Amino acid sequence: MAKTRRFYYKGNQLKQLRAFCAVARNGSMSVAADELFLSQPAVSLQVKALEDELDCILFDRRGPKIQLTREGRSLFEMARPLVEGLETLNSRFNREVRGELDSGEIHIAAGESTIIYIMPKLVERFRDQFPNIRVHMHNVTGRDGLAMIRDDKVDFAVGSMLDIPPDIEYQPVYSFSPALIMPEGHPLASREYLQLADISPFGLILPPRRLTTWRMVDRVFQQHKVPYRVALEVGGWEVIKRYVELGFGLSIVTSICLRDDDPLESRDMSAYFPKRSYGLVMRRGKYLSPQADAFVNTVHEVRMPDSLWRKGHSKR
């Protein structure tokens, strides 16, 4: 019996190709799902729908890591330039067609950690593409950043949000794992896997109570009904890492702040704490200038490593 041909909207096929390319590039459905901010079943369904439409198998799913089939490799070679081209279409259109990006300025609000760990790569890429646009970064807390967004003192913010007000739009772009850090030689450093109860006897060094990290840590300990104590509140990941190194306590940090030369022990705490997303924060319905829109596109184009910790000598 002849197979019935299925028809798909082009928009759906583009989503399927984007999911397929992410899986092919990472060799993993789960990693691709994190990259696309989708669930793993959603990515799997999109790949399966593409296989049904093309009437072929794109991945060999035997073994711990999926591999591209011959047909999959051919499709990846054809689809990758298309998908990457669409992802950069807006910025290229503004630059090459509208011709409005030879001058101007943008104002961006961001916290200190975002400015230190995330913004340098974004600004470097943006300045390479648009050297004549001035970028003004405002080092502010989340609350002050929201006030600047509402008062139109900045075009948008780059940061992390847990609770999103109704007048604010948050677009998560990057995702980083949570990590427990401790001094080298700490009693917990000999354990490969840690539970919240293991951390409970030791004081924690956290950012100020008003910030997202403090509220997230408190929420997790409360949900698991595990007691904890805060030994010290201090702002800035670099300051926190220094105080941990000196033995004043432990801390739960976002993995993006870990560097290869940090004299610390680190353990992944993804079993308890959610991944931390960073992205774009703006007033809902706000019109973005071509300059600001170009930076937004840069944020979506640039990929970030989960951690700057390369050797992994203490990260487990």
C-alpha atoms as a PDB file:
ATOM      1  CA  MET A   1       0.000   0.000   0.000  1.00  0.00           C
ATOM      2  CA  ALA A   2       1.442   3.349  -1.001  1.00  0.00           C
ATOM      3  CA  LYS A   3       2.442   5.604   1.880  1.00  0.00           C
ATOM      4  CA  THR A   4       0.227   8.666   2.248  1.00  0.00           C
ATOM      5  CA  ARG A   5       2.204  11.861   1.732  1.00  0.00           C
ATOM      6  CA  ARG A   6       2.033  14.212   4.690  1.00  0.00           C
ATOM      7  CA  PHE A   7       1.858  17.964   4.366  1.00  0.00           C
ATOM      8  CA  TYR A   8       3.476  20.360   6.828  1.00  0.00           C
ATOM      9  CA  TYR A   9       3.463  24.090   7.276  1.00  0.00           C
ATOM     10  CA  LYS A  10       6.832  25.566   6.396  1.00  0.00           C
ATOM     11  CA  GLY A  11       7.069  27.119   9.849  1.00  0.00           C
ATOM     12  CA  ASN A  12       6.818  23.681  11.438  1.00  0.00           C
ATOM     13  CA  GLN A  13       9.503  22.298   9.150  1.00  0.00           C
ATOM     14  CA  LEU A  14      11.856  25.125  10.100  1.00  0.00           C
ATOM     15  CA  LYS A  15      11.352  24.218  13.759  1.00  0.00           C
ATOM     16  CA  GLN A  16      12.025  20.582  12.907  1.00  0.00           C
ATOM     17  CA  LEU A  17      15.211  21.450  11.031  1.00  0.00           C
ATOM     18  CA  ARG A  18      16.382  23.654  13.887  1.00  0.00           C
ATOM     19  CA  ALA A  19      15.820  20.791  16.356  1.00  0.00           C
ATOM     20  CA  PHE A  20      17.521  18.321  14.008  1.00  0.00           C
ATOM     21  CA  CYS A  21      20.594  20.545  13.593  1.00  0.00           C
ATOM     22  CA  ALA A  22      20.859  21.073  17.359  1.00  0.00           C
ATOM     23  CA  VAL A  23      20.773  17.307  17.985  1.00  0.00           C
ATOM     24  CA  ALA A  24      23.242  16.633  15.160  1.00  0.00           C
ATOM     25  CA  ARG A  25      25.636  19.287  16.435  1.00  0.00           C
ATOM     26  CA  ASN A  26      25.523  18.112  20.067  1.00  0.00           C
ATOM     27  CA  GLY A  27      25.034  14.372  19.578  1.00  0.00           C
ATOM     28  CA  SER A  28      22.393  14.405  22.312  1.00  0.00           C
ATOM     29  CA  MET A  29      18.654  15.021  22.533  1.00  0.00           C
ATOM     30  CA  SER A  30      18.904  16.348  26.096  1.00  0.00           C
ATOM     31  CA  VAL A  31      21.734  18.791  25.337  1.00  0.00           C
ATOM     32  CA  ALA A  32      19.862  20.015  22.254  1.00  0.00           C
ATOM     33  CA  ALA A  33      16.729  20.490  24.379  1.00  0.00           C
ATOM     34  CA  ASP A  34      18.656  22.641  26.872  1.00  0.00           C
ATOM     35  CA  GLU A  35      20.122  24.694  24.026  1.00  0.00           C
ATOM     36  CA  LEU A  36      16.689  25.311  22.480  1.00  0.00           C
ATOM     37  CA  PHE A  37      14.903  25.748  25.837  1.00  0.00           C
ATOM     38  CA  LEU A  38      12.526  22.917  24.962  1.00  0.00           C
ATOM     39  CA  SER A  39      11.716  19.630  26.664  1.00  0.00           C
ATOM     40  CA  GLN A  40      13.534  16.525  25.454  1.00  0.00           C
ATOM     41  CA  PRO A  41      10.259  14.877  24.298  1.00  0.00           C
ATOM     42  CA  ALA A  42       9.444  17.987  22.232  1.00  0.00           C
ATOM     43  CA  VAL A  43      12.808  17.817  20.455  1.00  0.00           C
ATOM     44  CA  SER A  44      12.416  14.072  19.901  1.00  0.00           C
ATOM     45  CA  LEU A  45       8.945  14.587  18.399  1.00  0.00           C
ATOM     46  CA  GLN A  46      10.214  17.270  16.030  1.00  0.00           C
ATOM     47  CA  VAL A  47      13.019  15.014  14.810  1.00  0.00           C
ATOM     48  CA  LYS A  48      10.603  12.098  14.399  1.00  0.00           C
ATOM     49  CA  ALA A  49       8.184  14.302  12.413  1.00  0.00           C
ATOM     50  CA  LEU A  50      11.039  15.329  10.109  1.00  0.00           C
ATOM     51  CA  GLU A  51      12.012  11.679   9.622  1.00  0.00           C
ATOM     52  CA  ASP A  52       8.396  10.830   8.764  1.00  0.00           C
ATOM     53  CA  GLU A  53       8.197  13.670   6.258  1.00  0.00           C
ATOM     54  CA  LEU A  54      11.471  12.731   4.566  1.00  0.00           C
ATOM     55  CA  ASP A  55      10.688   8.998   4.866  1.00  0.00           C
ATOM     56  CA  CYS A  56      14.134   8.117   6.209  1.00  0.00           C
ATOM     57  CA  ILE A  57      16.036   7.526   9.440  1.00  0.00           C
ATOM     58  CA  LEU A  58      18.279  10.453  10.382  1.00  0.00           C
ATOM     59  CA  PHE A  59      19.853   9.119  13.590  1.00  0.00           C
ATOM     60  CA  ASP A  60      21.172   5.750  14.702  1.00  0.00           C
ATOM     61  CA  ARG A  61      19.893   5.601  18.283  1.00  0.00           C
ATOM     62  CA  ARG A  62      21.851   2.545  19.431  1.00  0.00           C
ATOM     63  CA  GLY A  63      24.385   3.077  22.190  1.00  0.00           C
ATOM     64  CA  PRO A  64      24.812   5.911  24.721  1.00  0.00           C
ATOM     65  CA  LYS A  65      25.237   8.608  22.082  1.00  0.00           C
ATOM     66  CA  ILE A  66      23.139   8.939  18.963  1.00  0.00           C
ATOM     67  CA  GLN A  67      24.913   9.106  15.622  1.00  0.00           C
ATOM     68  CA  LEU A  68      23.901  10.561  12.275  1.00  0.00           C
ATOM     69  CA  THR A  69      23.037   8.078   9.559  1.00  0.00           C
ATOM     70  CA  ARG A  70      24.267   8.590   5.999  1.00  0.00           C
ATOM     71  CA  GLU A  71      21.018  10.376   5.152  1.00  0.00           C
ATOM     72  CA  GLY A  72      21.319  12.391   8.361  1.00  0.00           C
ATOM     73  CA  ARG A  73      24.828  13.572   7.478  1.00  0.00           C
ATOM     74  CA  SER A  74      23.657  14.672   4.047  1.00  0.00           C
ATOM     75  CA  LEU A  75      20.688  16.572   5.478  1.00  0.00           C
ATOM     76  CA  PHE A  76      22.887  18.230   8.122  1.00  0.00           C
ATOM     77  CA  GLU A  77      25.243  19.538   5.430  1.00  0.00           C
ATOM     78  CA  MET A  78      22.274  21.024   3.556  1.00  0.00           C
ATOM     79  CA  ALA A  79      20.253  22.287   6.526  1.00  0.00           C
ATOM     80  CA  ARG A  80      22.965  23.767   8.726  1.00  0.00           C
ATOM     81  CA  PRO A  81      23.697  26.833   6.541  1.00  0.00           C
ATOM     82  CA  LEU A  82      19.942  27.411   6.150  1.00  0.00           C
ATOM     83  CA  VAL A  83      19.227  27.274   9.893  1.00  0.00           C
ATOM     84  CA  GLU A  84      22.239  29.406  10.823  1.00  0.00           C
ATOM     85  CA  GLY A  85      21.338  31.877   8.085  1.00  0.00           C
ATOM     86  CA  LEU A  86      17.798  32.267   9.407  1.00  0.00           C
ATOM     87  CA  GLU A  87      19.081  32.775  12.963  1.00  0.00           C
ATOM     88  CA  THR A  88      21.185  35.726  11.786  1.00  0.00           C
ATOM     89  CA  LEU A  89      18.673  37.024   9.233  1.00  0.00           C
ATOM     90  CA  ASN A  90      17.452  39.996  11.278  1.00  0.00           C
ATOM     91  CA  SER A  91      20.897  41.355  12.043  1.00  0.00           C
ATOM     92  CA  ARG A  92      22.076  40.902   8.446  1.00  0.00           C
ATOM     93  CA  PHE A  93      18.920  42.551   7.096  1.00  0.00           C
ATOM     94  CA  ASN A  94      19.380  45.598   9.332  1.00  0.00           C
ATOM     95  CA  ARG A  95      23.040  45.852   8.461  1.00  0.00           C
ATOM     96  CA  GLU A  96      22.958  45.173   4.740  1.00  0.00           C
ATOM     97  CA  VAL A  97      19.502  46.342   3.629  1.00  0.00           C
ATOM     98  CA  ARG A  98      18.227  48.969   6.027  1.00  0.00           C
ATOM     99  CA  GLY A  99      21.608  50.623   6.348  1.00  0.00           C
ATOM    100  CA  GLU A 100      20.722  52.100   9.732  1.00  0.00           C
ATOM    101  CA  LEU A 101      23.578  50.717  11.789  1.00  0.00           C
ATOM    102  CA  ASP A 102      26.491  52.993  10.960  1.00  0.00           C
ATOM    103  CA  SER A 103      25.972  55.102  14.079  1.00  0.00           C
ATOM    104  CA  GLY A 104      23.866  55.511  17.192  1.00  0.00           C
ATOM    105  CA  GLU A 105      23.972  54.085  20.703  1.00  0.00           C
ATOM    106  CA  ILE A 106      22.290  51.595  22.997  1.00  0.00           C
ATOM    107  CA  HIS A 107      21.869  51.489  26.766  1.00  0.00           C
ATOM    108  CA  ILE A 108      21.897  48.123  28.551  1.00  0.00           C
ATOM    109  CA  ALA A 109      21.273  47.418  32.237  1.00  0.00           C
ATOM    110  CA  ALA A 110      23.057  44.447  33.809  1.00  0.00           C
ATOM    111  CA  GLY A 111      24.268  43.230  37.176  1.00  0.00           C
ATOM    112  CA  GLU A 112      27.936  42.962  38.041  1.00  0.00           C
ATOM    113  CA  SER A 113      28.126  39.187  37.482  1.00  0.00           C
ATOM    114  CA  THR A 114      26.467  39.487  34.082  1.00  0.00           C
ATOM    115  CA  ILE A 115      28.862  42.278  33.109  1.00  0.00           C
ATOM    116  CA  ILE A 116      31.885  40.202  34.172  1.00  0.00           C
ATOM    117  CA  TYR A 117      30.986  36.772  32.798  1.00  0.00           C
ATOM    118  CA  ILE A 118      28.482  37.211  29.953  1.00  0.00           C
ATOM    119  CA  MET A 119      28.698  40.687  28.464  1.00  0.00           C
ATOM    120  CA  PRO A 120      32.361  40.664  27.273  1.00  0.00           C
ATOM    121  CA  LYS A 121      31.715  38.011  24.630  1.00  0.00           C
ATOM    122  CA  LEU A 122      28.516  39.739  23.488  1.00  0.00           C
ATOM    123  CA  VAL A 123      30.110  43.177  23.295  1.00  0.00           C
ATOM    124  CA  GLU A 124      33.118  41.783  21.436  1.00  0.00           C
ATOM    125  CA  ARG A 125      30.904  40.175  18.768  1.00  0.00           C
ATOM    126  CA  PHE A 126      28.694  43.253  18.522  1.00  0.00           C
ATOM    127  CA  ARG A 127      31.621  45.653  18.138  1.00  0.00           C
ATOM    128  CA  ASP A 128      33.103  43.447  15.430  1.00  0.00           C
ATOM    129  CA  GLN A 129      29.864  43.763  13.455  1.00  0.00           C
ATOM    130  CA  PHE A 130      28.878  47.333  14.367  1.00  0.00           C
ATOM    131  CA  PRO A 131      32.007  49.256  15.415  1.00  0.00           C
ATOM    132  CA  ASN A 132      30.330  52.675  15.150  1.00  0.00           C
ATOM    133  CA  ILE A 133      27.510  52.000  17.604  1.00  0.00           C
ATOM    134  CA  ARG A 134      28.284  53.072  21.169  1.00  0.00           C
ATOM    135  CA  VAL A 135      27.341  50.611  23.914  1.00  0.00           C
ATOM    136  CA  HIS A 136      26.547  52.015  27.363  1.00  0.00           C
ATOM    137  CA  MET A 137      26.368  49.441  30.161  1.00  0.00           C
ATOM    138  CA  HIS A 138      24.707  50.374  33.455  1.00  0.00           C
ATOM    139  CA  ASN A 139      25.868  48.291  36.429  1.00  0.00           C
ATOM    140  CA  VAL A 140      22.699  47.964  38.516  1.00  0.00           C
ATOM    141  CA  THR A 141      20.831  45.449  40.661  1.00  0.00           C
ATOM    142  CA  GLY A 142      17.796  43.642  39.308  1.00  0.00           C
ATOM    143  CA  ARG A 143      15.342  45.978  41.022  1.00  0.00           C
ATOM    144  CA  ASP A 144      17.083  49.104  39.761  1.00  0.00           C
ATOM    145  CA  GLY A 145      17.362  47.578  36.300  1.00  0.00           C
ATOM    146  CA  LEU A 146      13.600  47.034  36.172  1.00  0.00           C
ATOM    147  CA  ALA A 147      13.060  50.654  37.186  1.00  0.00           C
ATOM    148  CA  MET A 148      15.331  51.833  34.359  1.00  0.00           C
ATOM    149  CA  ILE A 149      13.477  49.601  31.879  1.00  0.00           C
ATOM    150  CA  ARG A 150      10.088  50.990  32.959  1.00  0.00           C
ATOM    151  CA  ASP A 151      11.386  54.565  32.763  1.00  0.00           C
ATOM    152  CA  ASP A 152      12.887  53.931  29.292  1.00  0.00           C
ATOM    153  CA  LYS A 153      16.328  54.894  30.584  1.00  0.00           C
ATOM    154  CA  VAL A 154      17.744  51.739  28.980  1.00  0.00           C
ATOM    155  CA  ASP A 155      16.750  49.791  25.881  1.00  0.00           C
ATOM    156  CA  PHE A 156      16.726  46.477  27.760  1.00  0.00           C
ATOM    157  CA  ALA A 157      18.589  44.508  30.408  1.00  0.00           C
ATOM    158  CA  VAL A 158      20.621  41.314  30.280  1.00  0.00           C
ATOM    159  CA  GLY A 159      20.256  39.175  33.367  1.00  0.00           C
ATOM    160  CA  SER A 160      18.403  36.413  35.193  1.00  0.00           C
ATOM    161  CA  MET A 161      14.841  36.402  36.489  1.00  0.00           C
ATOM    162  CA  LEU A 162      12.747  34.096  38.682  1.00  0.00           C
ATOM    163  CA  ASP A 163       9.569  36.127  39.153  1.00  0.00           C
ATOM    164  CA  ILE A 164       8.488  38.026  36.038  1.00  0.00           C
ATOM    165  CA  PRO A 165       6.141  41.020  36.464  1.00  0.00           C
ATOM    166  CA  PRO A 166       3.235  41.219  33.993  1.00  0.00           C
ATOM    167  CA  ASP A 167       4.603  44.340  32.288  1.00  0.00           C
ATOM    168  CA  ILE A 168       8.027  42.750  31.677  1.00  0.00           C
ATOM    169  CA  GLU A 169       9.075  40.306  28.963  1.00  0.00           C
ATOM    170  CA  TYR A 170      11.878  37.860  29.760  1.00  0.00           C
ATOM    171  CA  GLN A 171      13.572  35.861  26.987  1.00  0.00           C
ATOM    172  CA  PRO A 172      15.942  33.239  28.471  1.00  0.00           C
ATOM    173  CA  VAL A 173      18.849  32.566  26.113  1.00  0.00           C
ATOM    174  CA  TYR A 174      21.646  30.921  28.116  1.00  0.00           C
ATOM    175  CA  SER A 175      21.494  28.208  30.750  1.00  0.00           C
ATOM    176  CA  PHE A 176      24.164  27.382  33.349  1.00  0.00           C
ATOM    177  CA  SER A 177      24.438  24.612  35.918  1.00  0.00           C
ATOM    178  CA  PRO A 178      24.474  25.208  39.688  1.00  0.00           C
ATOM    179  CA  ALA A 179      27.641  24.273  41.562  1.00  0.00           C
ATOM    180  CA  LEU A 180      28.737  23.991  45.173  1.00  0.00           C
ATOM    181  CA  ILE A 181      32.158  25.520  45.748  1.00  0.00           C
ATOM    182  CA  MET A 182      34.408  24.882  48.739  1.00  0.00           C
ATOM    183  CA  PRO A 183      38.050  25.455  49.693  1.00  0.00           C
ATOM    184  CA  GLU A 184      40.623  22.935  48.573  1.00  0.00           C
ATOM    185  CA  GLY A 185      41.027  20.254  51.239  1.00  0.00           C
ATOM    186  CA  HIS A 186      37.514  20.775  52.653  1.00  0.00           C
ATOM    187  CA  PRO A 187      35.996  17.656  54.364  1.00  0.00           C
ATOM    188  CA  LEU A 188      33.320  17.412  51.651  1.00  0.00           C
ATOM    189  CA  ALA A 189      35.923  17.504  48.866  1.00  0.00           C
ATOM    190  CA  SER A 190      36.572  13.768  49.217  1.00  0.00           C
ATOM    191  CA  ARG A 191      32.956  12.960  48.297  1.00  0.00           C
ATOM    192  CA  GLU A 192      31.992  12.696  44.657  1.00  0.00           C
ATOM    193  CA  TYR A 193      28.261  13.095  45.185  1.00  0.00           C
ATOM    194  CA  LEU A 194      26.734  15.424  47.770  1.00  0.00           C
ATOM    195  CA  GLN A 195      23.257  15.807  49.230  1.00  0.00           C
ATOM    196  CA  LEU A 196      21.708  18.882  50.779  1.00  0.00           C
ATOM    197  CA  ALA A 197      22.037  17.297  54.209  1.00  0.00           C
ATOM    198  CA  ASP A 198      25.811  17.098  53.688  1.00  0.00           C
ATOM    199  CA  ILE A 199      25.948  20.857  53.183  1.00  0.00           C
ATOM    200  CA  SER A 200      23.635  21.703  56.085  1.00  0.00           C
ATOM    201  CA  PRO A 201      26.284  21.769  58.883  1.00  0.00           C
ATOM    202  CA  PHE A 202      28.427  24.297  57.016  1.00  0.00           C
ATOM    203  CA  GLY A 203      27.701  27.997  56.723  1.00  0.00           C
ATOM    204  CA  LEU A 204      26.866  29.384  53.295  1.00  0.00           C
ATOM    205  CA  ILE A 205      28.174  32.551  51.690  1.00  0.00           C
ATOM    206  CA  LEU A 206      25.407  34.034  49.548  1.00  0.00           C
ATOM    207  CA  PRO A 207      24.643  37.242  47.670  1.00  0.00           C
ATOM    208  CA  PRO A 208      22.345  39.709  49.473  1.00  0.00           C
ATOM    209  CA  ARG A 209      18.872  38.504  50.370  1.00  0.00           C
ATOM    210  CA  ARG A 210      17.151  40.737  47.795  1.00  0.00           C
ATOM    211  CA  LEU A 211      18.890  39.008  44.863  1.00  0.00           C
ATOM    212  CA  THR A 212      17.722  36.011  42.825  1.00  0.00           C
ATOM    213  CA  THR A 213      20.423  33.583  44.004  1.00  0.00           C
ATOM    214  CA  TRP A 214      19.592  33.980  47.685  1.00  0.00           C
ATOM    215  CA  ARG A 215      15.890  33.418  47.053  1.00  0.00           C
ATOM    216  CA  MET A 216      16.587  30.372  44.869  1.00  0.00           C
ATOM    217  CA  VAL A 217      18.861  28.740  47.483  1.00  0.00           C
ATOM    218  CA  ASP A 218      16.366  29.440  50.269  1.00  0.00           C
ATOM    219  CA  ARG A 219      13.509  27.995  48.193  1.00  0.00           C
ATOM    220  CA  VAL A 220      15.359  24.726  47.520  1.00  0.00           C
ATOM    221  CA  PHE A 221      16.362  24.128  51.165  1.00  0.00           C
ATOM    222  CA  GLN A 222      12.836  24.956  52.321  1.00  0.00           C
ATOM    223  CA  GLN A 223      11.261  22.595  49.767  1.00  0.00           C
ATOM    224  CA  HIS A 224      13.489  19.714  50.920  1.00  0.00           C
ATOM    225  CA  LYS A 225      12.980  20.655  54.600  1.00  0.00           C
ATOM    226  CA  VAL A 226      16.726  20.767  55.191  1.00  0.00           C
ATOM    227  CA  PRO A 227      18.025  23.394  57.639  1.00  0.00           C
ATOM    228  CA  TYR A 228      20.817  25.717  56.580  1.00  0.00           C
ATOM    229  CA  ARG A 229      22.506  28.858  57.791  1.00  0.00           C
ATOM    230  CA  VAL A 230      23.981  31.850  56.032  1.00  0.00           C
ATOM    231  CA  ALA A 231      27.435  32.670  57.396  1.00  0.00           C
ATOM    232  CA  LEU A 232      27.972  35.734  55.250  1.00  0.00           C
ATOM    233  CA  GLU A 233      26.105  37.868  52.725  1.00  0.00           C
ATOM    234  CA  VAL A 234      28.289  39.588  50.146  1.00  0.00           C
ATOM    235  CA  GLY A 235      27.773  40.739  46.574  1.00  0.00           C
ATOM    236  CA  GLY A 236      29.645  39.547  43.487  1.00  0.00           C
ATOM    237  CA  TRP A 237      30.757  36.038  42.502  1.00  0.00           C
ATOM    238  CA  GLU A 238      34.450  36.978  42.518  1.00  0.00           C
ATOM    239  CA  VAL A 239      34.177  38.265  46.096  1.00  0.00           C
ATOM    240  CA  ILE A 240      32.216  35.174  47.136  1.00  0.00           C
ATOM    241  CA  LYS A 241      34.813  32.868  45.578  1.00  0.00           C
ATOM    242  CA  ARG A 242      37.579  34.695  47.449  1.00  0.00           C
ATOM    243  CA  TYR A 243      35.818  34.328  50.803  1.00  0.00           C
ATOM    244  CA  VAL A 244      35.156  30.629  50.107  1.00  0.00           C
ATOM    245  CA  GLU A 245      38.832  30.185  49.270  1.00  0.00           C
ATOM    246  CA  LEU A 246      39.715  31.778  52.643  1.00  0.00           C
ATOM    247  CA  GLY A 247      37.514  29.259  54.461  1.00  0.00           C
ATOM    248  CA  PHE A 248      34.654  31.497  55.602  1.00  0.00           C
ATOM    249  CA  GLY A 249      32.045  29.087  54.229  1.00  0.00           C
ATOM    250  CA  LEU A 250      30.668  27.286  51.166  1.00  0.00           C
ATOM    251  CA  SER A 251      28.561  28.728  48.381  1.00  0.00           C
ATOM    252  CA  ILE A 252      26.113  27.766  45.658  1.00  0.00           C
ATOM    253  CA  VAL A 253      27.145  29.572  42.489  1.00  0.00           C
ATOM    254  CA  THR A 254      26.352  29.548  38.806  1.00  0.00           C
ATOM    255  CA  SER A 255      28.923  27.522  36.873  1.00  0.00           C
ATOM    256  CA  ILE A 256      29.670  30.350  34.426  1.00  0.00           C
ATOM    257  CA  CYS A 257      31.701  32.076  37.162  1.00  0.00           C
ATOM    258  CA  LEU A 258      34.116  29.151  37.649  1.00  0.00           C
ATOM    259  CA  ARG A 259      37.530  29.580  36.074  1.00  0.00           C
ATOM    260  CA  ASP A 260      40.239  27.062  35.385  1.00  0.00           C
ATOM    261  CA  ASP A 261      42.689  28.664  37.812  1.00  0.00           C
ATOM    262  CA  ASP A 262      40.293  29.053  40.763  1.00  0.00           C
ATOM    263  CA  PRO A 263      41.842  27.391  43.874  1.00  0.00           C
ATOM    264  CA  LEU A 264      38.504  25.768  44.734  1.00  0.00           C
ATOM    265  CA  GLU A 265      36.699  22.439  44.745  1.00  0.00           C
ATOM    266  CA  SER A 266      33.445  22.282  42.805  1.00  0.00           C
ATOM    267  CA  ARG A 267      30.542  19.829  42.642  1.00  0.00           C
ATOM    268  CA  ASP A 268      27.594  19.914  40.261  1.00  0.00           C
ATOM    269  CA  MET A 269      24.353  20.399  42.222  1.00  0.00           C
ATOM    270  CA  SER A 270      21.889  20.016  39.347  1.00  0.00           C
ATOM    271  CA  ALA A 271      20.137  17.217  41.269  1.00  0.00           C
ATOM    272  CA  TYR A 272      18.767  19.840  43.673  1.00  0.00           C
ATOM    273  CA  PHE A 273      19.079  23.308  42.210  1.00  0.00           C
ATOM    274  CA  PRO A 274      17.626  24.381  38.849  1.00  0.00           C
ATOM    275  CA  LYS A 275      19.818  25.591  36.040  1.00  0.00           C
ATOM    276  CA  ARG A 276      20.186  29.335  36.008  1.00  0.00           C
ATOM    277  CA  SER A 277      18.968  31.066  32.892  1.00  0.00           C
ATOM    278  CA  TYR A 278      20.215  34.423  31.648  1.00  0.00           C
ATOM    279  CA  GLY A 279      18.626  36.375  28.873  1.00  0.00           C
ATOM    280  CA  LEU A 280      16.946  39.555  27.699  1.00  0.00           C
ATOM    281  CA  VAL A 281      14.674  41.642  29.917  1.00  0.00           C
ATOM    282  CA  MET A 282      12.576  44.420  28.406  1.00  0.00           C
ATOM    283  CA  ARG A 283       9.330  46.269  28.822  1.00  0.00           C
ATOM    284  CA  ARG A 284       6.496  44.349  27.213  1.00  0.00           C
ATOM    285  CA  GLY A 285       5.516  45.905  23.884  1.00  0.00           C
ATOM    286  CA  LYS A 286       8.565  48.185  23.748  1.00  0.00           C
ATOM    287  CA  TYR A 287       9.764  49.230  20.310  1.00  0.00           C
ATOM    288  CA  LEU A 288      13.479  48.572  19.872  1.00  0.00           C
ATOM    289  CA  SER A 289      15.658  50.792  17.741  1.00  0.00           C
ATOM    290  CA  PRO A 290      17.574  49.069  14.914  1.00  0.00           C
ATOM    291  CA  GLN A 291      20.728  49.379  17.047  1.00  0.00           C
ATOM    292  CA  ALA A 292      19.111  47.715  20.069  1.00  0.00           C
ATOM    293  CA  ASP A 293      17.501  45.078  17.860  1.00  0.00           C
ATOM    294  CA  ALA A 294      20.916  44.267  16.395  1.00  0.00           C
ATOM    295  CA  PHE A 295      22.320  43.664  19.882  1.00  0.00           C
ATOM    296  CA  VAL A 296      19.339  41.444  20.731  1.00  0.00           C
ATOM    297  CA  ASN A 297      20.146  39.366  17.657  1.00  0.00           C
ATOM    298  CA  THR A 298      23.777  39.173  18.768  1.00  0.00           C
ATOM    299  CA  VAL A 299      22.645  37.774  22.132  1.00  0.00           C
ATOM    300  CA  HIS A 300      20.754  35.004  20.338  1.00  0.00           C
ATOM    301  CA  GLU A 301      23.659  34.275  17.980  1.00  0.00           C
ATOM    302  CA  VAL A 302      26.480  33.956  20.523  1.00  0.00           C
ATOM    303  CA  ARG A 303      26.877  30.656  22.334  1.00  0.00           C
ATOM    304  CA  MET A 304      28.157  30.478  25.903  1.00  0.00           C
ATOM    305  CA  PRO A 305      30.033  27.578  27.536  1.00  0.00           C
ATOM    306  CA  ASP A 306      28.379  26.169  30.646  1.00  0.00           C
ATOM    307  CA  SER A 307      31.574  26.926  32.545  1.00  0.00           C
ATOM    308  CA  LEU A 308      34.971  28.540  32.100  1.00  0.00           C
ATOM    309  CA  TRP A 309      36.417  25.646  34.135  1.00  0.00           C
ATOM    310  CA  ARG A 310      38.330  23.751  31.448  1.00  0.00           C
ATOM    311  CA  LYS A 311      40.663  21.289  33.169  1.00  0.00           C
ATOM    312  CA  GLY A 312      38.042  20.046  35.607  1.00  0.00           C
ATOM    313  CA  HIS A 313      40.725  19.128  38.159  1.00  0.00           C
ATOM    314  CA  SER A 314      38.285  19.628  41.013  1.00  0.00           C
ATOM    315  CA  LYS A 315      34.956  19.777  39.202  1.00  0.00           C
ATOM    316  CA  ARG A 316      33.009  16.530  39.422  1.00  0.00           C
END
